[in-house]
Structures are given as structure tokens and as C-alpha cells.
């Protein structure tokens, strides 16, 4: 029964570790997705500004 108790402890530790890794993975995944979203947003702003500049120059010309 001592072996089973030990196995139980090991399993508990593994589960806790697994949970920690899962939340780390989720946090990392969320961060990556957010970063990608921000980058896309920034690029969109740049593109819109560039388009506006070009259109203004064409009008001035």
C-alpha cells in the first residue's frame, strides 16, 4: 500500500505540473494571439495612413 500511496503522490504532482504547464501554455498562446492582433492592427493603421497620403498627393498634383 506504500507503493500505491507513493504512486498517488507522484500522480498528484504530475497533474499539478500539467495544470501549471497548461495555464502557461494558455497565457503564452493568448499573448501570441494578442501580439498578432496588435501587429495586424498597427499594419492596418499604417496602410490606411499611407493610402490617405497618396490620395492627398494625387489631389494636390
N, C-alpha and C. Protein backbone atom coordinates (compact mmCIF):
# COMPACT_ATOMS: atom_id res chain seq x y z
N UNK A 1 0.83 -1.21 0.00
CA UNK A 1 0.00 0.00 0.00
C UNK A 1 0.87 1.27 0.00
N UNK A 2 2.09 1.12 0.49
CA UNK A 2 3.01 2.28 0.49
C UNK A 2 3.33 2.68 -0.95
N UNK A 3 3.44 1.65 -1.81
CA UNK A 3 3.73 1.91 -3.23
C UNK A 3 2.58 2.69 -3.86
N UNK A 4 1.35 2.28 -3.52
CA UNK A 4 0.17 2.96 -4.08
C UNK A 4 0.10 4.41 -3.60
N UNK A 5 0.44 4.62 -2.32
CA UNK A 5 0.43 5.98 -1.77
C UNK A 5 1.45 6.84 -2.51
N UNK A 6 2.61 6.26 -2.76
CA UNK A 6 3.67 6.96 -3.47
C UNK A 6 3.23 7.29 -4.90
N UNK A 7 2.62 6.29 -5.55
CA UNK A 7 2.12 6.49 -6.91
C UNK A 7 1.08 7.61 -6.95
N UNK A 8 0.22 7.61 -5.94
CA UNK A 8 -0.80 8.65 -5.83
C UNK A 8 -0.18 10.03 -5.74
N UNK A 9 0.87 10.14 -4.91
CA UNK A 9 1.56 11.42 -4.74
C UNK A 9 2.21 11.87 -6.05
N UNK A 10 2.85 10.91 -6.72
CA UNK A 10 3.51 11.22 -7.99
C UNK A 10 2.47 11.69 -9.01
N UNK A 11 1.34 10.99 -9.06
CA UNK A 11 0.28 11.37 -9.99
C UNK A 11 -0.24 12.77 -9.70
N UNK A 12 -0.43 13.06 -8.39
CA UNK A 12 -0.91 14.39 -7.99
C UNK A 12 0.08 15.46 -8.45
N UNK A 13 1.35 15.19 -8.22
CA UNK A 13 2.40 16.14 -8.62
C UNK A 13 2.38 16.35 -10.13
N UNK A 14 2.26 15.26 -10.87
CA UNK A 14 2.23 15.34 -12.33
C UNK A 14 1.02 16.15 -12.80
N UNK A 15 -0.13 15.90 -12.16
CA UNK A 15 -1.34 16.63 -12.54
C UNK A 15 -1.18 18.12 -12.27
N UNK A 16 -0.59 18.44 -11.12
CA UNK A 16 -0.38 19.85 -10.77
C UNK A 16 0.57 20.49 -11.77
N UNK A 17 1.64 19.77 -12.11
CA UNK A 17 2.61 20.28 -13.07
C UNK A 17 1.93 20.50 -14.42
N UNK A 18 1.13 19.52 -14.79
CA UNK A 18 0.42 19.57 -16.06
C UNK A 18 -0.49 20.80 -16.11
N UNK A 19 -1.18 21.05 -14.99
CA UNK A 19 -2.07 22.20 -14.92
C UNK A 19 -1.28 23.49 -15.06
N UNK A 20 -0.13 23.53 -14.40
CA UNK A 20 0.73 24.71 -14.47
C UNK A 20 1.18 24.94 -15.91
N UNK A 21 1.58 23.85 -16.57
CA UNK A 21 2.03 23.96 -17.97
C UNK A 21 0.88 24.41 -18.86
N UNK A 22 -0.32 23.88 -18.58
CA UNK A 22 -1.49 24.26 -19.37
C UNK A 22 -1.75 25.75 -19.26
N UNK A 23 -1.72 26.27 -18.02
CA UNK A 23 -2.01 27.69 -17.85
C UNK A 23 -0.90 28.54 -18.45
N UNK A 24 0.34 28.04 -18.37
CA UNK A 24 1.46 28.75 -19.00
C UNK A 24 1.25 28.77 -20.51
N UNK A 25 0.87 27.62 -21.04
CA UNK A 25 0.61 27.50 -22.48
C UNK A 25 -0.51 28.42 -22.91
N UNK A 26 -1.58 28.47 -22.10
CA UNK A 26 -2.71 29.35 -22.41
C UNK A 26 -2.28 30.81 -22.40
N UNK A 27 -1.50 31.16 -21.38
CA UNK A 27 -1.03 32.54 -21.26
C UNK A 27 -0.17 32.90 -22.47
N UNK A 28 0.73 31.99 -22.82
CA UNK A 28 1.63 32.22 -23.95
C UNK A 28 0.83 32.33 -25.24
N UNK A 29 -0.11 31.41 -25.40
CA UNK A 29 -0.96 31.38 -26.60
C UNK A 29 -1.75 32.68 -26.69
N UNK A 30 -2.32 33.10 -25.57
CA UNK A 30 -3.09 34.35 -25.54
C UNK A 30 -2.22 35.53 -25.90
N UNK A 31 -0.99 35.51 -25.39
CA UNK A 31 -0.05 36.60 -25.64
C UNK A 31 0.31 36.66 -27.12
N UNK A 32 0.54 35.48 -27.71
CA UNK A 32 0.90 35.40 -29.13
C UNK A 32 -0.26 35.92 -29.98
N UNK A 33 -1.48 35.45 -29.66
CA UNK A 33 -2.66 35.87 -30.42
C UNK A 33 -2.84 37.38 -30.29
N UNK A 34 -2.70 37.92 -29.06
CA UNK A 34 -2.83 39.36 -28.84
C UNK A 34 -1.78 40.12 -29.64
N UNK A 35 -0.55 39.61 -29.59
CA UNK A 35 0.55 40.25 -30.31
C UNK A 35 0.27 40.29 -31.81
N UNK A 36 -0.22 39.17 -32.33
CA UNK A 36 -0.55 39.10 -33.75
C UNK A 36 -1.65 40.08 -34.09
N UNK A 37 -2.66 40.13 -33.23
CA UNK A 37 -3.78 41.05 -33.44
C UNK A 37 -3.31 42.50 -33.44
N UNK A 38 -2.43 42.83 -32.47
CA UNK A 38 -1.89 44.19 -32.38
C UNK A 38 -1.10 44.53 -33.63
N UNK A 39 -0.26 43.59 -34.06
CA UNK A 39 0.58 43.81 -35.24
C UNK A 39 -0.30 44.07 -36.45
N UNK A 40 -1.33 43.25 -36.60
CA UNK A 40 -2.24 43.40 -37.74
C UNK A 40 -2.90 44.78 -37.69
N UNK A 41 -3.30 45.16 -36.47
CA UNK A 41 -3.97 46.44 -36.25
C UNK A 41 -3.03 47.59 -36.63
N UNK A 42 -1.78 47.50 -36.18
CA UNK A 42 -0.78 48.53 -36.48
C UNK A 42 -0.56 48.62 -37.99
N UNK A 43 -0.43 47.46 -38.63
CA UNK A 43 -0.23 47.45 -40.08
C UNK A 43 -1.41 48.08 -40.80
N UNK A 44 -2.61 47.80 -40.31
CA UNK A 44 -3.81 48.34 -40.93
C UNK A 44 -3.78 49.87 -40.84
N UNK A 45 -3.39 50.38 -39.67
CA UNK A 45 -3.32 51.83 -39.48
C UNK A 45 -2.30 52.43 -40.45
N UNK A 46 -1.13 51.80 -40.56
CA UNK A 46 -0.07 52.29 -41.45
C UNK A 46 -0.59 52.32 -42.89
N UNK A 47 -1.22 51.23 -43.31
CA UNK A 47 -1.73 51.14 -44.69
C UNK A 47 -2.76 52.23 -44.95
N UNK A 48 -3.68 52.43 -44.01
CA UNK A 48 -4.72 53.45 -44.17
C UNK A 48 -4.08 54.84 -44.27
N UNK A 49 -3.09 55.10 -43.40
CA UNK A 49 -2.41 56.41 -43.42
C UNK A 49 -1.67 56.62 -44.73
N UNK A 50 -1.00 55.58 -45.20
CA UNK A 50 -0.25 55.68 -46.47
C UNK A 50 -1.21 55.95 -47.63
N UNK A 51 -2.34 55.24 -47.62
CA UNK A 51 -3.34 55.42 -48.68
C UNK A 51 -3.83 56.86 -48.68
N UNK A 52 -4.13 57.38 -47.49
CA UNK A 52 -4.63 58.75 -47.36
C UNK A 52 -3.59 59.74 -47.88
N UNK A 53 -2.31 59.49 -47.56
CA UNK A 53 -1.22 60.35 -48.02
C UNK A 53 -1.16 60.37 -49.55
N UNK A 54 -1.20 59.18 -50.13
CA UNK A 54 -1.11 59.03 -51.59
C UNK A 54 -2.29 59.74 -52.25
N UNK A 55 -3.50 59.53 -51.72
CA UNK A 55 -4.69 60.16 -52.29
C UNK A 55 -4.59 61.68 -52.21
N UNK A 56 -4.07 62.18 -51.09
CA UNK A 56 -3.92 63.63 -50.91
C UNK A 56 -2.92 64.16 -51.93
N UNK A 57 -1.81 63.46 -52.12
CA UNK A 57 -0.78 63.89 -53.07
C UNK A 57 -1.34 63.90 -54.49
N UNK A 58 -2.17 62.89 -54.81
CA UNK A 58 -2.76 62.82 -56.15
C UNK A 58 -3.70 64.01 -56.37
N UNK A 59 -4.44 64.39 -55.33
CA UNK A 59 -5.35 65.53 -55.42
C UNK A 59 -4.55 66.82 -55.61
N UNK A 60 -3.48 66.96 -54.82
CA UNK A 60 -2.64 68.17 -54.89
C UNK A 60 -1.97 68.28 -56.25
N UNK A 61 -1.64 67.16 -56.83
CA UNK A 61 -0.96 67.12 -58.12
C UNK A 61 -1.94 67.56 -59.20
